[in-house]
Amino acid sequence: MESDKKNNLGIVRFFLAFMVFVAHFFELSQITDVAYLSHWVHSVLAVQLFFMLSGFFSVSSFERSPSSVIFFKKRFFRIYPAYALVVISSFLCFSFISTLGLASYFQSSVSWKYVSSNLIFANFLAPVLPGVFESNFLPYVNGSLWTLKIEVAYFLIVPAIMWARHRFSKWWISLALLVISIAYTYCIEKMAGGNDALIKQLPGQLHWFAFGLLAYDLRDKIVELNTAFCFAVIAVLFTLHYWWEPAYYIGAAALVFAVGFKLPFFKNSDWLGNVSYSMYLIHFPIIQFAVAMEWLRNDHGFSLLSCLCVIILLSYLIFRGVEQPQILKGKK
């Protein structure tokens, strides 16, 4: 298919990771003199668009897998090794800056609860390490990890979704997922006072994965659309959001695939998509560490750029040393 050729979705993934990094940089550092940059990023939307891309890529991966077992194997080796590396590295490295001292740190049940909980994607059960980042604006070690349990939960139901798509109409299944997610969110807003913690979980975020399913089914149609027409429609949607808020999110979702499929392919840009996952995983604890070391007090623009460069470099090393070999293992 024409749409299965080279695209710019890797660049989109990098930009979304960059948006989350910038938002967290200003939130965690509490720097205000260049905070105007934060007005141009929307971390929650970036995460939701990541969910949408997961919906897109998971369908593609499943259709290329001879069985559900192979699909789960590929997803495991794609996600878990780098994730586990970040959890364990944080646990070990931050022991040296804990106010408890090494002996008390490793004897603390809080330390081991952090490791055990986060290794099973239960970051909400143990988001902190003892004596670490206690003087920071937020004490959390890695506030980005909460999204991974949603990704994993979605991957677990992908085979059922794909079975239903083949058994019934794929369009009706996507519509059903949208309705279930929106109905759940509406009920939570009405009955639980808009509990944000519940809305951010499945099935509250399921509609973003459903958008990804729809985009996958329509990918050839997207390629065939006139480029100027696509971006004109997106501009109209962003304008309409002043009167109808969902238009903003629909426009953002459309922009992802317009950039991915309608713009000319940027050669030698694959590495941007390759580092995006590790960049998402490691940026939060690195910013927290820099704040704790008081390295962000002077020349804040340079501090942001320095953090970004360190994060990209480490992300590239993690991709080459951990992710890439494990991805290949998952395909065997």
Protein backbone atom coordinates (compact mmCIF):
# COMPACT_ATOMS: atom_id res chain seq x y z
CA MET A 1 0.00 0.00 0.00
CA GLU A 2 1.16 3.52 -0.69
CA SER A 3 0.60 4.51 2.92
CA ASP A 4 2.92 1.77 4.16
CA LYS A 5 5.92 3.49 2.61
CA LYS A 6 8.14 5.95 4.44
CA ASN A 7 6.29 8.54 6.50
CA ASN A 8 7.00 11.26 9.04
CA LEU A 9 5.29 9.68 12.04
CA GLY A 10 8.69 9.24 13.71
CA ILE A 11 9.15 13.02 13.62
CA VAL A 12 5.67 13.42 15.10
CA ARG A 13 6.52 11.03 17.95
CA PHE A 14 9.70 12.98 18.69
CA PHE A 15 7.82 16.28 18.74
CA LEU A 16 5.20 14.86 21.12
CA ALA A 17 7.96 13.64 23.45
CA PHE A 18 9.53 17.10 23.20
CA MET A 19 6.21 18.72 24.17
CA VAL A 20 5.97 16.54 27.28
CA PHE A 21 9.60 17.35 28.15
CA VAL A 22 9.06 21.12 27.88
CA ALA A 23 5.87 21.02 29.94
CA HIS A 24 7.54 18.99 32.69
CA PHE A 25 10.68 21.13 32.59
CA PHE A 26 8.74 24.24 33.54
CA GLU A 27 6.49 22.45 36.01
CA LEU A 28 9.34 20.78 37.87
CA SER A 29 11.89 23.61 37.72
CA GLN A 30 9.34 26.36 38.46
CA ILE A 31 11.32 28.61 36.10
CA THR A 32 9.23 31.56 34.99
CA ASP A 33 11.45 33.81 32.87
CA VAL A 34 11.12 31.61 29.77
CA ALA A 35 7.85 30.00 30.78
CA TYR A 36 6.13 31.63 27.80
CA LEU A 37 7.37 28.58 25.87
CA SER A 38 5.07 26.39 27.96
CA HIS A 39 2.05 28.13 26.42
CA TRP A 40 2.92 26.44 23.12
CA VAL A 41 2.94 22.93 24.53
CA HIS A 42 0.15 20.79 25.91
CA SER A 43 1.52 17.72 27.71
CA VAL A 44 -1.89 16.09 28.28
CA LEU A 45 -2.75 16.39 24.60
CA ALA A 46 0.69 15.07 23.64
CA VAL A 47 0.13 11.96 25.79
CA GLN A 48 -3.32 11.46 24.27
CA LEU A 49 -1.84 11.69 20.77
CA PHE A 50 0.71 9.09 21.83
CA PHE A 51 -2.23 6.84 22.72
CA MET A 52 -3.70 7.48 19.29
CA LEU A 53 -0.44 6.50 17.59
CA SER A 54 -0.36 3.36 19.74
CA GLY A 55 -3.78 2.48 18.38
CA PHE A 56 -2.46 2.99 14.85
CA PHE A 57 0.78 1.02 15.25
CA SER A 58 -0.75 -1.79 17.31
CA VAL A 59 -3.15 -2.67 14.49
CA SER A 60 -0.29 -2.65 12.03
CA SER A 61 1.81 -4.85 14.33
CA PHE A 62 -1.04 -7.29 14.98
CA GLU A 63 -1.81 -7.71 11.27
CA ARG A 64 1.85 -8.54 10.62
CA SER A 65 1.93 -11.09 13.46
CA PRO A 66 0.98 -14.72 12.72
CA SER A 67 -0.63 -15.10 16.17
CA SER A 68 -1.62 -13.20 19.30
CA VAL A 69 1.31 -14.80 21.14
CA ILE A 70 3.77 -13.36 18.62
CA PHE A 71 2.05 -9.97 18.89
CA PHE A 72 2.41 -9.97 22.70
CA LYS A 73 6.03 -11.08 22.38
CA LYS A 74 6.85 -8.20 20.05
CA ARG A 75 5.06 -5.69 22.27
CA PHE A 76 6.85 -7.00 25.37
CA PHE A 77 10.32 -6.68 23.87
CA ARG A 78 9.45 -3.28 22.42
CA ILE A 79 8.25 -1.76 25.70
CA TYR A 80 9.45 -3.62 28.77
CA PRO A 81 13.29 -3.85 28.59
CA ALA A 82 13.83 -0.08 28.32
CA TYR A 83 11.07 0.53 30.88
CA ALA A 84 12.62 -1.88 33.39
CA LEU A 85 16.05 -0.35 32.79
CA VAL A 86 14.75 3.11 33.68
CA VAL A 87 12.97 1.87 36.83
CA ILE A 88 15.96 -0.08 38.14
CA SER A 89 18.51 2.59 37.15
CA SER A 90 16.50 5.25 38.97
CA PHE A 91 16.32 3.05 42.05
CA LEU A 92 20.09 2.44 42.06
CA CYS A 93 21.41 5.84 40.93
CA PHE A 94 19.26 7.95 43.23
CA SER A 95 20.40 5.97 46.25
CA PHE A 96 23.53 8.15 46.18
CA ILE A 97 21.54 11.37 46.65
CA SER A 98 19.05 10.07 49.20
CA THR A 99 19.14 11.90 52.52
CA LEU A 100 18.78 8.54 54.28
CA GLY A 101 22.24 7.26 53.39
CA LEU A 102 22.94 4.07 51.44
CA ALA A 103 22.33 1.57 54.24
CA SER A 104 18.99 3.03 55.35
CA TYR A 105 17.94 3.56 51.72
CA PHE A 106 18.34 -0.09 50.78
CA GLN A 107 16.77 -1.24 54.05
CA SER A 108 13.69 0.93 53.54
CA SER A 109 10.52 -0.86 52.47
CA VAL A 110 9.61 2.27 50.46
CA SER A 111 12.61 1.67 48.20
CA TRP A 112 11.66 -1.90 47.42
CA LYS A 113 8.01 -1.03 47.04
CA TYR A 114 9.06 1.49 44.40
CA VAL A 115 10.91 -1.18 42.45
CA SER A 116 8.29 -3.91 42.76
CA SER A 117 5.34 -1.63 42.03
CA ASN A 118 6.88 0.16 39.08
CA LEU A 119 8.15 -3.04 37.49
CA ILE A 120 4.51 -4.13 37.17
CA PHE A 121 3.40 -0.70 35.86
CA ALA A 122 1.81 0.28 39.20
CA ASN A 123 3.59 3.61 39.52
CA PHE A 124 0.60 5.07 41.37
CA LEU A 125 1.29 2.72 44.31
CA ALA A 126 4.86 3.95 44.85
CA PRO A 127 5.78 7.15 43.00
CA VAL A 128 8.58 8.22 45.39
CA LEU A 129 11.89 6.95 46.75
CA PRO A 130 12.86 7.62 50.40
CA GLY A 131 14.92 10.76 50.88
CA VAL A 132 14.94 11.52 47.14
CA PHE A 133 13.67 14.81 45.67
CA GLU A 134 11.96 15.72 48.94
CA SER A 135 12.92 19.39 48.52
CA ASN A 136 11.82 19.58 44.88
CA PHE A 137 8.55 21.19 43.84
CA LEU A 138 7.21 17.66 43.31
CA PRO A 139 8.79 14.64 45.02
CA TYR A 140 7.92 12.09 42.33
CA VAL A 141 10.74 10.11 40.75
CA ASN A 142 9.12 9.62 37.36
CA GLY A 143 5.73 11.19 36.79
CA SER A 144 5.60 9.97 33.18
CA LEU A 145 5.31 6.26 33.93
CA TRP A 146 1.57 6.32 34.70
CA THR A 147 0.75 6.13 30.98
CA LEU A 148 2.50 2.80 30.47
CA LYS A 149 -0.13 0.78 32.33
CA ILE A 150 -2.75 2.24 29.98
CA GLU A 151 -0.67 1.24 26.96
CA VAL A 152 -0.24 -2.28 28.33
CA ALA A 153 -3.93 -2.61 29.19
CA TYR A 154 -4.79 -1.60 25.64
CA PHE A 155 -2.34 -4.07 24.11
CA LEU A 156 -3.95 -6.85 26.17
CA ILE A 157 -7.34 -6.20 24.57
CA VAL A 158 -6.04 -5.70 21.01
CA PRO A 159 -6.59 -9.37 20.01
CA ALA A 160 -10.22 -9.14 21.16
CA ILE A 161 -10.68 -5.87 19.27
CA MET A 162 -9.13 -7.37 16.13
CA TRP A 163 -11.33 -10.46 16.42
CA ALA A 164 -14.40 -8.25 16.69
CA ARG A 165 -13.24 -6.14 13.73
CA HIS A 166 -13.00 -9.26 11.57
CA ARG A 167 -16.20 -10.80 12.94
CA PHE A 168 -18.26 -7.64 12.57
CA SER A 169 -17.76 -4.31 10.79
CA LYS A 170 -14.45 -2.61 11.66
CA TRP A 171 -16.23 0.74 11.43
CA TRP A 172 -18.88 -0.28 13.94
CA ILE A 173 -16.25 -1.61 16.34
CA SER A 174 -14.31 1.67 16.20
CA LEU A 175 -17.55 3.56 16.75
CA ALA A 176 -18.43 1.30 19.70
CA LEU A 177 -15.04 1.98 21.32
CA LEU A 178 -15.61 5.72 20.89
CA VAL A 179 -19.09 5.52 22.42
CA ILE A 180 -17.94 3.39 25.37
CA SER A 181 -15.08 5.76 26.16
CA ILE A 182 -17.12 8.94 25.83
CA ALA A 183 -20.02 7.46 27.84
CA TYR A 184 -17.61 6.39 30.60
CA THR A 185 -16.06 9.87 30.74
CA TYR A 186 -19.51 11.48 30.86
CA CYS A 187 -20.61 9.20 33.71
CA ILE A 188 -17.46 9.91 35.71
CA GLU A 189 -17.92 13.65 35.23
CA LYS A 190 -21.53 13.43 36.40
CA MET A 191 -21.32 10.85 39.17
CA ALA A 192 -17.74 11.15 40.45
CA GLY A 193 -17.39 14.90 40.21
CA GLY A 194 -15.10 14.74 37.19
CA ASN A 195 -12.45 12.64 38.95
CA ASP A 196 -9.43 13.26 36.73
CA ALA A 197 -7.59 10.17 37.99
CA LEU A 198 -10.44 7.93 36.79
CA ILE A 199 -10.93 9.73 33.48
CA LYS A 200 -7.25 9.30 32.63
CA GLN A 201 -7.53 5.49 32.81
CA LEU A 202 -9.14 2.99 30.48
CA PRO A 203 -11.79 3.13 29.20
CA GLY A 204 -11.61 6.90 29.59
CA GLN A 205 -8.72 7.14 27.12
CA LEU A 206 -10.02 4.41 24.81
CA HIS A 207 -11.35 6.90 22.27
CA TRP A 208 -7.79 7.98 21.43
CA PHE A 209 -6.84 4.42 20.58
CA ALA A 210 -10.04 4.22 18.52
CA PHE A 211 -8.95 7.33 16.59
CA GLY A 212 -5.74 5.45 15.82
CA LEU A 213 -7.75 2.48 14.54
CA LEU A 214 -9.77 4.74 12.27
CA ALA A 215 -6.64 6.44 10.96
CA TYR A 216 -5.11 3.05 10.16
CA ASP A 217 -8.22 2.01 8.23
CA LEU A 218 -8.26 5.33 6.36
CA ARG A 219 -4.51 5.63 5.78
CA ASP A 220 -4.70 5.13 2.02
CA LYS A 221 -7.52 7.65 1.77
CA ILE A 222 -5.42 10.14 3.74
CA VAL A 223 -2.55 9.71 1.29
CA GLU A 224 -4.88 10.37 -1.64
CA LEU A 225 -6.33 13.60 -0.21
CA ASN A 226 -5.18 16.95 -1.54
CA THR A 227 -2.51 18.33 0.82
CA ALA A 228 -3.74 21.93 0.74
CA PHE A 229 -7.29 20.75 1.42
CA CYS A 230 -6.12 18.68 4.44
CA PHE A 231 -4.34 21.58 6.10
CA ALA A 232 -7.20 23.97 5.28
CA VAL A 233 -9.65 21.67 7.08
CA ILE A 234 -7.27 21.41 10.05
CA ALA A 235 -7.02 25.22 10.21
CA VAL A 236 -10.81 25.44 10.22
CA LEU A 237 -11.02 22.89 13.05
CA PHE A 238 -8.54 24.83 15.18
CA THR A 239 -10.58 27.98 14.56
CA LEU A 240 -13.85 26.27 15.47
CA HIS A 241 -12.52 25.17 18.86
CA TYR A 242 -13.35 28.64 20.23
CA TRP A 243 -17.00 27.63 19.89
CA TRP A 244 -16.76 23.84 20.02
CA GLU A 245 -13.90 22.51 22.18
CA PRO A 246 -13.72 18.99 20.66
CA ALA A 247 -12.74 20.60 17.34
CA TYR A 248 -9.31 21.36 18.85
CA TYR A 249 -8.64 17.70 19.63
CA ILE A 250 -9.98 16.51 16.28
CA GLY A 251 -7.77 19.08 14.57
CA ALA A 252 -4.71 17.96 16.56
CA ALA A 253 -5.38 14.31 15.70
CA ALA A 254 -5.79 15.20 12.02
CA LEU A 255 -2.58 17.26 12.11
CA VAL A 256 -0.61 14.24 13.34
CA PHE A 257 -1.52 12.18 10.29
CA ALA A 258 -1.36 15.12 7.90
CA VAL A 259 2.26 15.72 8.92
CA GLY A 260 2.87 11.98 8.92
CA PHE A 261 1.51 11.23 5.45
CA LYS A 262 0.99 14.45 3.52
CA LEU A 263 4.30 16.28 3.91
CA PRO A 264 7.35 15.16 1.93
CA PHE A 265 9.34 12.48 3.73
CA PHE A 266 12.29 13.88 5.66
CA LYS A 267 15.28 11.66 4.93
CA ASN A 268 17.60 10.59 7.75
CA SER A 269 14.91 11.42 10.33
CA ASP A 270 14.28 7.87 11.54
CA TRP A 271 16.51 8.41 14.58
CA LEU A 272 14.06 11.00 15.90
CA GLY A 273 11.32 8.42 16.18
CA ASN A 274 13.79 5.88 17.54
CA VAL A 275 14.72 8.02 20.56
CA SER A 276 11.19 9.22 21.33
CA TYR A 277 10.23 6.32 23.63
CA SER A 278 13.37 6.48 25.78
CA MET A 279 13.15 10.27 25.75
CA TYR A 280 9.66 9.98 27.20
CA LEU A 281 10.83 7.48 29.82
CA ILE A 282 13.91 9.30 31.13
CA HIS A 283 13.19 13.03 30.85
CA PHE A 284 11.27 13.33 34.13
CA PRO A 285 13.92 11.87 36.50
CA ILE A 286 16.71 13.74 34.70
CA ILE A 287 14.92 17.06 35.18
CA GLN A 288 14.24 16.17 38.81
CA PHE A 289 17.91 15.34 39.34
CA ALA A 290 19.01 18.63 37.76
CA VAL A 291 16.58 20.53 40.01
CA ALA A 292 17.83 18.69 43.11
CA MET A 293 21.44 19.50 42.20
CA GLU A 294 20.47 23.16 41.70
CA TRP A 295 21.87 23.15 38.16
CA LEU A 296 18.94 25.10 36.70
CA ARG A 297 19.26 28.37 38.60
CA ASN A 298 21.24 30.37 36.01
CA ASP A 299 20.74 30.93 32.29
CA HIS A 300 17.44 29.13 32.11
CA GLY A 301 17.30 28.95 28.32
CA PHE A 302 20.68 27.23 28.32
CA SER A 303 19.48 24.93 31.13
CA LEU A 304 16.53 23.79 29.05
CA LEU A 305 18.73 23.19 26.00
CA SER A 306 21.36 21.36 28.07
CA CYS A 307 18.75 19.07 29.63
CA LEU A 308 17.30 18.34 26.22
CA CYS A 309 20.71 17.47 24.74
CA VAL A 310 21.56 15.14 27.63
CA ILE A 311 18.17 13.45 27.36
CA ILE A 312 18.47 12.96 23.60
CA LEU A 313 22.01 11.56 23.92
CA LEU A 314 21.03 9.11 26.66
CA SER A 315 17.88 8.15 24.74
CA TYR A 316 19.95 7.36 21.66
CA LEU A 317 22.32 5.21 23.72
CA ILE A 318 19.38 3.35 25.29
CA PHE A 319 17.86 2.77 21.87
CA ARG A 320 21.07 1.40 20.39
CA GLY A 321 22.11 -0.57 23.45
CA VAL A 322 18.78 -1.86 24.75
CA GLU A 323 15.74 -1.13 22.60
CA GLN A 324 17.08 -2.06 19.18
CA PRO A 325 18.54 -5.46 20.22
CA GLN A 326 15.38 -6.30 22.18
CA ILE A 327 13.10 -5.30 19.30
CA LEU A 328 15.05 -7.67 17.04
CA LYS A 329 14.75 -10.41 19.66
CA GLY A 330 10.98 -9.91 19.73
CA LYS A 331 10.78 -10.47 15.98
CA LYS A 332 12.59 -13.82 16.08
